[in-house]
Amino acid sequence: MINNLKKKFKKFLSNERGEFGISALLSIAIALIVAVFILFPGIKGISQKAVTELDDWWETTIKNEIFVTN
């Protein structure tokens, strides 16, 4: 059964559809790798800024104006 799958896979890779499929998979893999190195650090910075701003808002608005403690 495994040998049969190997033969079918090799036959698929030998035609143009197989070459296109492998090229598409490689393109997707490269795009994901690039996204990890470019987008994720930016997303981290944005999320840290959002959390900092929410913390400031909580301290100045909610804690100090709504839940005032003497």
PDB file of N, CA and C in Angstrom:
ATOM      1  N   MET A   1       0.816  -1.184   0.000  1.00  0.00           N
ATOM      2  CA  MET A   1       0.000   0.000   0.000  1.00  0.00           C
ATOM      3  C   MET A   1       0.872   1.264   0.000  1.00  0.00           C
ATOM      4  N   ILE A   2       1.919   1.277   0.834  1.00  0.00           N
ATOM      5  CA  ILE A   2       2.803   2.444   0.891  1.00  0.00           C
ATOM      6  C   ILE A   2       3.538   2.605  -0.437  1.00  0.00           C
ATOM      7  N   ASN A   3       3.961   1.498  -1.023  1.00  0.00           N
ATOM      8  CA  ASN A   3       4.647   1.576  -2.316  1.00  0.00           C
ATOM      9  C   ASN A   3       3.717   2.136  -3.383  1.00  0.00           C
ATOM     10  N   ASN A   4       2.429   1.775  -3.308  1.00  0.00           N
ATOM     11  CA  ASN A   4       1.449   2.277  -4.258  1.00  0.00           C
ATOM     12  C   ASN A   4       1.299   3.795  -4.108  1.00  0.00           C
ATOM     13  N   LEU A   5       1.281   4.268  -2.876  1.00  0.00           N
ATOM     14  CA  LEU A   5       1.176   5.712  -2.628  1.00  0.00           C
ATOM     15  C   LEU A   5       2.420   6.439  -3.114  1.00  0.00           C
ATOM     16  N   LYS A   6       3.585   5.830  -2.890  1.00  0.00           N
ATOM     17  CA  LYS A   6       4.827   6.438  -3.367  1.00  0.00           C
ATOM     18  C   LYS A   6       4.811   6.585  -4.886  1.00  0.00           C
ATOM     19  N   LYS A   7       4.355   5.541  -5.590  1.00  0.00           N
ATOM     20  CA  LYS A   7       4.298   5.584  -7.055  1.00  0.00           C
ATOM     21  C   LYS A   7       3.341   6.670  -7.528  1.00  0.00           C
ATOM     22  N   LYS A   8       2.184   6.760  -6.890  1.00  0.00           N
ATOM     23  CA  LYS A   8       1.206   7.785  -7.279  1.00  0.00           C
ATOM     24  C   LYS A   8       1.750   9.182  -7.011  1.00  0.00           C
ATOM     25  N   PHE A   9       2.434   9.347  -5.891  1.00  0.00           N
ATOM     26  CA  PHE A   9       2.997  10.651  -5.557  1.00  0.00           C
ATOM     27  C   PHE A   9       4.082  11.044  -6.552  1.00  0.00           C
ATOM     28  N   LYS A  10       4.967  10.113  -6.894  1.00  0.00           N
ATOM     29  CA  LYS A  10       6.016  10.402  -7.878  1.00  0.00           C
ATOM     30  C   LYS A  10       5.412  10.720  -9.242  1.00  0.00           C
ATOM     31  N   LYS A  11       4.357   9.995  -9.615  1.00  0.00           N
ATOM     32  CA  LYS A  11       3.697  10.254 -10.889  1.00  0.00           C
ATOM     33  C   LYS A  11       3.054  11.637 -10.876  1.00  0.00           C
ATOM     34  N   PHE A  12       2.434  12.005  -9.748  1.00  0.00           N
ATOM     35  CA  PHE A  12       1.809  13.314  -9.627  1.00  0.00           C
ATOM     36  C   PHE A  12       2.844  14.423  -9.722  1.00  0.00           C
ATOM     37  N   LEU A  13       3.992  14.226  -9.087  1.00  0.00           N
ATOM     38  CA  LEU A  13       5.038  15.248  -9.121  1.00  0.00           C
ATOM     39  C   LEU A  13       5.679  15.381 -10.493  1.00  0.00           C
ATOM     40  N   SER A  14       5.610  14.355 -11.277  1.00  0.00           N
ATOM     41  CA  SER A  14       6.269  14.382 -12.583  1.00  0.00           C
ATOM     42  C   SER A  14       5.467  15.155 -13.629  1.00  0.00           C
ATOM     43  N   ASN A  15       4.176  15.404 -13.383  1.00  0.00           N
ATOM     44  CA  ASN A  15       3.412  16.166 -14.367  1.00  0.00           C
ATOM     45  C   ASN A  15       3.317  17.636 -13.953  1.00  0.00           C
ATOM     46  N   GLU A  16       2.725  18.460 -14.813  1.00  0.00           N
ATOM     47  CA  GLU A  16       2.675  19.904 -14.558  1.00  0.00           C
ATOM     48  C   GLU A  16       1.819  20.250 -13.345  1.00  0.00           C
ATOM     49  N   ARG A  17       0.750  19.522 -13.126  1.00  0.00           N
ATOM     50  CA  ARG A  17      -0.096  19.796 -11.959  1.00  0.00           C
ATOM     51  C   ARG A  17       0.678  19.594 -10.661  1.00  0.00           C
ATOM     52  N   GLY A  18       1.496  18.563 -10.628  1.00  0.00           N
ATOM     53  CA  GLY A  18       2.302  18.299  -9.443  1.00  0.00           C
ATOM     54  C   GLY A  18       3.335  19.381  -9.200  1.00  0.00           C
ATOM     55  N   GLU A  19       3.950  19.839 -10.285  1.00  0.00           N
ATOM     56  CA  GLU A  19       4.923  20.923 -10.157  1.00  0.00           C
ATOM     57  C   GLU A  19       4.244  22.192  -9.658  1.00  0.00           C
ATOM     58  N   PHE A  20       3.057  22.472 -10.170  1.00  0.00           N
ATOM     59  CA  PHE A  20       2.314  23.640  -9.711  1.00  0.00           C
ATOM     60  C   PHE A  20       1.940  23.498  -8.246  1.00  0.00           C
ATOM     61  N   GLY A  21       1.533  22.305  -7.845  1.00  0.00           N
ATOM     62  CA  GLY A  21       1.156  22.072  -6.451  1.00  0.00           C
ATOM     63  C   GLY A  21       2.326  22.280  -5.502  1.00  0.00           C
ATOM     64  N   ILE A  22       3.475  21.770  -5.865  1.00  0.00           N
ATOM     65  CA  ILE A  22       4.665  21.935  -5.028  1.00  0.00           C
ATOM     66  C   ILE A  22       5.074  23.407  -4.992  1.00  0.00           C
ATOM     67  N   SER A  23       4.993  24.088  -6.125  1.00  0.00           N
ATOM     68  CA  SER A  23       5.323  25.518  -6.152  1.00  0.00           C
ATOM     69  C   SER A  23       4.365  26.310  -5.263  1.00  0.00           C
ATOM     70  N   ALA A  24       3.103  25.958  -5.293  1.00  0.00           N
ATOM     71  CA  ALA A  24       2.121  26.648  -4.459  1.00  0.00           C
ATOM     72  C   ALA A  24       2.405  26.398  -2.981  1.00  0.00           C
ATOM     73  N   LEU A  25       2.724  25.174  -2.616  1.00  0.00           N
ATOM     74  CA  LEU A  25       3.043  24.867  -1.221  1.00  0.00           C
ATOM     75  C   LEU A  25       4.290  25.610  -0.748  1.00  0.00           C
ATOM     76  N   LEU A  26       5.301  25.661  -1.587  1.00  0.00           N
ATOM     77  CA  LEU A  26       6.521  26.397  -1.233  1.00  0.00           C
ATOM     78  C   LEU A  26       6.237  27.891  -1.088  1.00  0.00           C
ATOM     79  N   SER A  27       5.399  28.432  -1.962  1.00  0.00           N
ATOM     80  CA  SER A  27       5.048  29.854  -1.873  1.00  0.00           C
ATOM     81  C   SER A  27       4.307  30.153  -0.580  1.00  0.00           C
ATOM     82  N   ILE A  28       3.394  29.289  -0.200  1.00  0.00           N
ATOM     83  CA  ILE A  28       2.653  29.472   1.045  1.00  0.00           C
ATOM     84  C   ILE A  28       3.594  29.384   2.237  1.00  0.00           C
ATOM     85  N   ALA A  29       4.504  28.428   2.219  1.00  0.00           N
ATOM     86  CA  ALA A  29       5.458  28.280   3.322  1.00  0.00           C
ATOM     87  C   ALA A  29       6.349  29.518   3.444  1.00  0.00           C
ATOM     88  N   ILE A  30       6.821  30.031   2.329  1.00  0.00           N
ATOM     89  CA  ILE A  30       7.665  31.229   2.361  1.00  0.00           C
ATOM     90  C   ILE A  30       6.870  32.423   2.869  1.00  0.00           C
ATOM     91  N   ALA A  31       5.627  32.564   2.439  1.00  0.00           N
ATOM     92  CA  ALA A  31       4.791  33.678   2.901  1.00  0.00           C
ATOM     93  C   ALA A  31       4.561  33.602   4.406  1.00  0.00           C
ATOM     94  N   LEU A  32       4.346  32.419   4.929  1.00  0.00           N
ATOM     95  CA  LEU A  32       4.145  32.269   6.374  1.00  0.00           C
ATOM     96  C   LEU A  32       5.416  32.603   7.147  1.00  0.00           C
ATOM     97  N   ILE A  33       6.548  32.192   6.654  1.00  0.00           N
ATOM     98  CA  ILE A  33       7.817  32.492   7.320  1.00  0.00           C
ATOM     99  C   ILE A  33       8.068  33.995   7.328  1.00  0.00           C
ATOM    100  N   VAL A  34       7.831  34.649   6.211  1.00  0.00           N
ATOM    101  CA  VAL A  34       8.007  36.101   6.134  1.00  0.00           C
ATOM    102  C   VAL A  34       7.037  36.797   7.082  1.00  0.00           C
ATOM    103  N   ALA A  35       5.806  36.333   7.141  1.00  0.00           N
ATOM    104  CA  ALA A  35       4.816  36.931   8.035  1.00  0.00           C
ATOM    105  C   ALA A  35       5.244  36.816   9.487  1.00  0.00           C
ATOM    106  N   VAL A  36       5.832  35.698   9.849  1.00  0.00           N
ATOM    107  CA  VAL A  36       6.281  35.509  11.230  1.00  0.00           C
ATOM    108  C   VAL A  36       7.348  36.535  11.588  1.00  0.00           C
ATOM    109  N   PHE A  37       8.275  36.790  10.695  1.00  0.00           N
ATOM    110  CA  PHE A  37       9.373  37.702  11.007  1.00  0.00           C
ATOM    111  C   PHE A  37       9.019  39.177  10.840  1.00  0.00           C
ATOM    112  N   ILE A  38       8.008  39.489  10.044  1.00  0.00           N
ATOM    113  CA  ILE A  38       7.668  40.889   9.791  1.00  0.00           C
ATOM    114  C   ILE A  38       6.429  41.327  10.565  1.00  0.00           C
ATOM    115  N   LEU A  39       5.362  40.566  10.495  1.00  0.00           N
ATOM    116  CA  LEU A  39       4.097  40.995  11.081  1.00  0.00           C
ATOM    117  C   LEU A  39       4.019  40.792  12.587  1.00  0.00           C
ATOM    118  N   PHE A  40       4.482  39.683  13.091  1.00  0.00           N
ATOM    119  CA  PHE A  40       4.310  39.385  14.503  1.00  0.00           C
ATOM    120  C   PHE A  40       5.000  40.375  15.433  1.00  0.00           C
ATOM    121  N   PRO A  41       6.206  40.850  15.154  1.00  0.00           N
ATOM    122  CA  PRO A  41       6.779  41.876  16.044  1.00  0.00           C
ATOM    123  C   PRO A  41       5.940  43.155  16.062  1.00  0.00           C
ATOM    124  N   GLY A  42       5.376  43.534  14.930  1.00  0.00           N
ATOM    125  CA  GLY A  42       4.513  44.703  14.880  1.00  0.00           C
ATOM    126  C   GLY A  42       3.242  44.498  15.667  1.00  0.00           C
ATOM    127  N   ILE A  43       2.676  43.316  15.567  1.00  0.00           N
ATOM    128  CA  ILE A  43       1.469  42.999  16.324  1.00  0.00           C
ATOM    129  C   ILE A  43       1.767  43.017  17.821  1.00  0.00           C
ATOM    130  N   LYS A  44       2.940  42.558  18.207  1.00  0.00           N
ATOM    131  CA  LYS A  44       3.323  42.571  19.619  1.00  0.00           C
ATOM    132  C   LYS A  44       3.393  44.001  20.136  1.00  0.00           C
ATOM    133  N   GLY A  45       3.981  44.887  19.360  1.00  0.00           N
ATOM    134  CA  GLY A  45       4.073  46.287  19.758  1.00  0.00           C
ATOM    135  C   GLY A  45       2.705  46.939  19.883  1.00  0.00           C
ATOM    136  N   ILE A  46       1.829  46.660  18.934  1.00  0.00           N
ATOM    137  CA  ILE A  46       0.478  47.221  18.973  1.00  0.00           C
ATOM    138  C   ILE A  46      -0.278  46.716  20.193  1.00  0.00           C
ATOM    139  N   SER A  47      -0.169  45.428  20.469  1.00  0.00           N
ATOM    140  CA  SER A  47      -0.893  44.879  21.616  1.00  0.00           C
ATOM    141  C   SER A  47      -0.340  45.407  22.933  1.00  0.00           C
ATOM    142  N   GLN A  48       0.970  45.590  23.044  1.00  0.00           N
ATOM    143  CA  GLN A  48       1.552  46.158  24.263  1.00  0.00           C
ATOM    144  C   GLN A  48       1.082  47.593  24.466  1.00  0.00           C
ATOM    145  N   LYS A  49       1.012  48.353  23.390  1.00  0.00           N
ATOM    146  CA  LYS A  49       0.539  49.736  23.480  1.00  0.00           C
ATOM    147  C   LYS A  49      -0.926  49.764  23.909  1.00  0.00           C
ATOM    148  N   ALA A  50      -1.740  48.876  23.355  1.00  0.00           N
ATOM    149  CA  ALA A  50      -3.157  48.831  23.713  1.00  0.00           C
ATOM    150  C   ALA A  50      -3.339  48.485  25.189  1.00  0.00           C
ATOM    151  N   VAL A  51      -2.588  47.527  25.678  1.00  0.00           N
ATOM    152  CA  VAL A  51      -2.698  47.133  27.088  1.00  0.00           C
ATOM    153  C   VAL A  51      -2.241  48.277  27.988  1.00  0.00           C
ATOM    154  N   THR A  52      -1.181  48.971  27.618  1.00  0.00           N
ATOM    155  CA  THR A  52      -0.705  50.105  28.408  1.00  0.00           C
ATOM    156  C   THR A  52      -1.755  51.212  28.453  1.00  0.00           C
ATOM    157  N   GLU A  53      -2.351  51.506  27.304  1.00  0.00           N
ATOM    158  CA  GLU A  53      -3.381  52.546  27.263  1.00  0.00           C
ATOM    159  C   GLU A  53      -4.621  52.144  28.057  1.00  0.00           C
ATOM    160  N   LEU A  54      -5.005  50.879  27.998  1.00  0.00           N
ATOM    161  CA  LEU A  54      -6.143  50.414  28.803  1.00  0.00           C
ATOM    162  C   LEU A  54      -5.839  50.496  30.289  1.00  0.00           C
ATOM    163  N   ASP A  55      -4.629  50.190  30.664  1.00  0.00           N
ATOM    164  CA  ASP A  55      -4.235  50.289  32.067  1.00  0.00           C
ATOM    165  C   ASP A  55      -4.297  51.740  32.538  1.00  0.00           C
ATOM    166  N   ASP A  56      -3.781  52.662  31.717  1.00  0.00           N
ATOM    167  CA  ASP A  56      -3.856  54.082  32.062  1.00  0.00           C
ATOM    168  C   ASP A  56      -5.305  54.545  32.171  1.00  0.00           C
ATOM    169  N   TRP A  57      -6.139  54.132  31.225  1.00  0.00           N
ATOM    170  CA  TRP A  57      -7.562  54.501  31.249  1.00  0.00           C
ATOM    171  C   TRP A  57      -8.223  53.972  32.516  1.00  0.00           C
ATOM    172  N   TRP A  58      -7.911  52.741  32.884  1.00  0.00           N
ATOM    173  CA  TRP A  58      -8.493  52.152  34.091  1.00  0.00           C
ATOM    174  C   TRP A  58      -8.103  52.960  35.327  1.00  0.00           C
ATOM    175  N   GLU A  59      -6.829  53.315  35.415  1.00  0.00           N
ATOM    176  CA  GLU A  59      -6.349  54.062  36.576  1.00  0.00           C
ATOM    177  C   GLU A  59      -6.967  55.454  36.646  1.00  0.00           C
ATOM    178  N   THR A  60      -6.998  56.173  35.525  1.00  0.00           N
ATOM    179  CA  THR A  60      -7.451  57.567  35.556  1.00  0.00           C
ATOM    180  C   THR A  60      -8.963  57.705  35.552  1.00  0.00           C
ATOM    181  N   THR A  61      -9.666  56.856  34.846  1.00  0.00           N
ATOM    182  CA  THR A  61     -11.108  57.026  34.704  1.00  0.00           C
ATOM    183  C   THR A  61     -11.895  56.160  35.668  1.00  0.00           C
ATOM    184  N   ILE A  62     -11.723  54.894  35.596  1.00  0.00           N
ATOM    185  CA  ILE A  62     -12.547  53.979  36.384  1.00  0.00           C
ATOM    186  C   ILE A  62     -12.167  53.986  37.854  1.00  0.00           C
ATOM    187  N   LYS A  63     -10.917  53.765  38.135  1.00  0.00           N
ATOM    188  CA  LYS A  63     -10.483  53.623  39.517  1.00  0.00           C
ATOM    189  C   LYS A  63     -10.579  54.953  40.291  1.00  0.00           C
ATOM    190  N   ASN A  64     -10.133  56.037  39.683  1.00  0.00           N
ATOM    191  CA  ASN A  64     -10.062  57.311  40.386  1.00  0.00           C
ATOM    192  C   ASN A  64     -11.358  58.118  40.349  1.00  0.00           C
ATOM    193  N   GLU A  65     -12.251  57.867  39.381  1.00  0.00           N
ATOM    194  CA  GLU A  65     -13.485  58.641  39.293  1.00  0.00           C
ATOM    195  C   GLU A  65     -14.721  57.852  39.694  1.00  0.00           C
ATOM    196  N   ILE A  66     -14.774  56.597  39.366  1.00  0.00           N
ATOM    197  CA  ILE A  66     -15.982  55.804  39.656  1.00  0.00           C
ATOM    198  C   ILE A  66     -15.863  55.084  40.985  1.00  0.00           C
ATOM    199  N   PHE A  67     -14.745  54.433  41.209  1.00  0.00           N
ATOM    200  CA  PHE A  67     -14.530  53.688  42.462  1.00  0.00           C
ATOM    201  C   PHE A  67     -13.563  54.468  43.362  1.00  0.00           C
ATOM    202  N   VAL A  68     -13.969  55.616  43.764  1.00  0.00           N
ATOM    203  CA  VAL A  68     -13.103  56.476  44.573  1.00  0.00           C
ATOM    204  C   VAL A  68     -13.003  55.900  45.988  1.00  0.00           C
ATOM    205  N   THR A  69     -11.778  55.798  46.478  1.00  0.00           N
ATOM    206  CA  THR A  69     -11.562  55.354  47.845  1.00  0.00           C
ATOM    207  C   THR A  69     -10.892  56.468  48.628  1.00  0.00           C
ATOM    208  N   ASN A  70     -11.323  56.651  49.855  1.00  0.00           N
ATOM    209  CA  ASN A  70     -10.764  57.732  50.692  1.00  0.00           C
ATOM    210  C   ASN A  70      -9.646  57.243  51.547  1.00  0.00           C
TER     211      ASN A  70
END
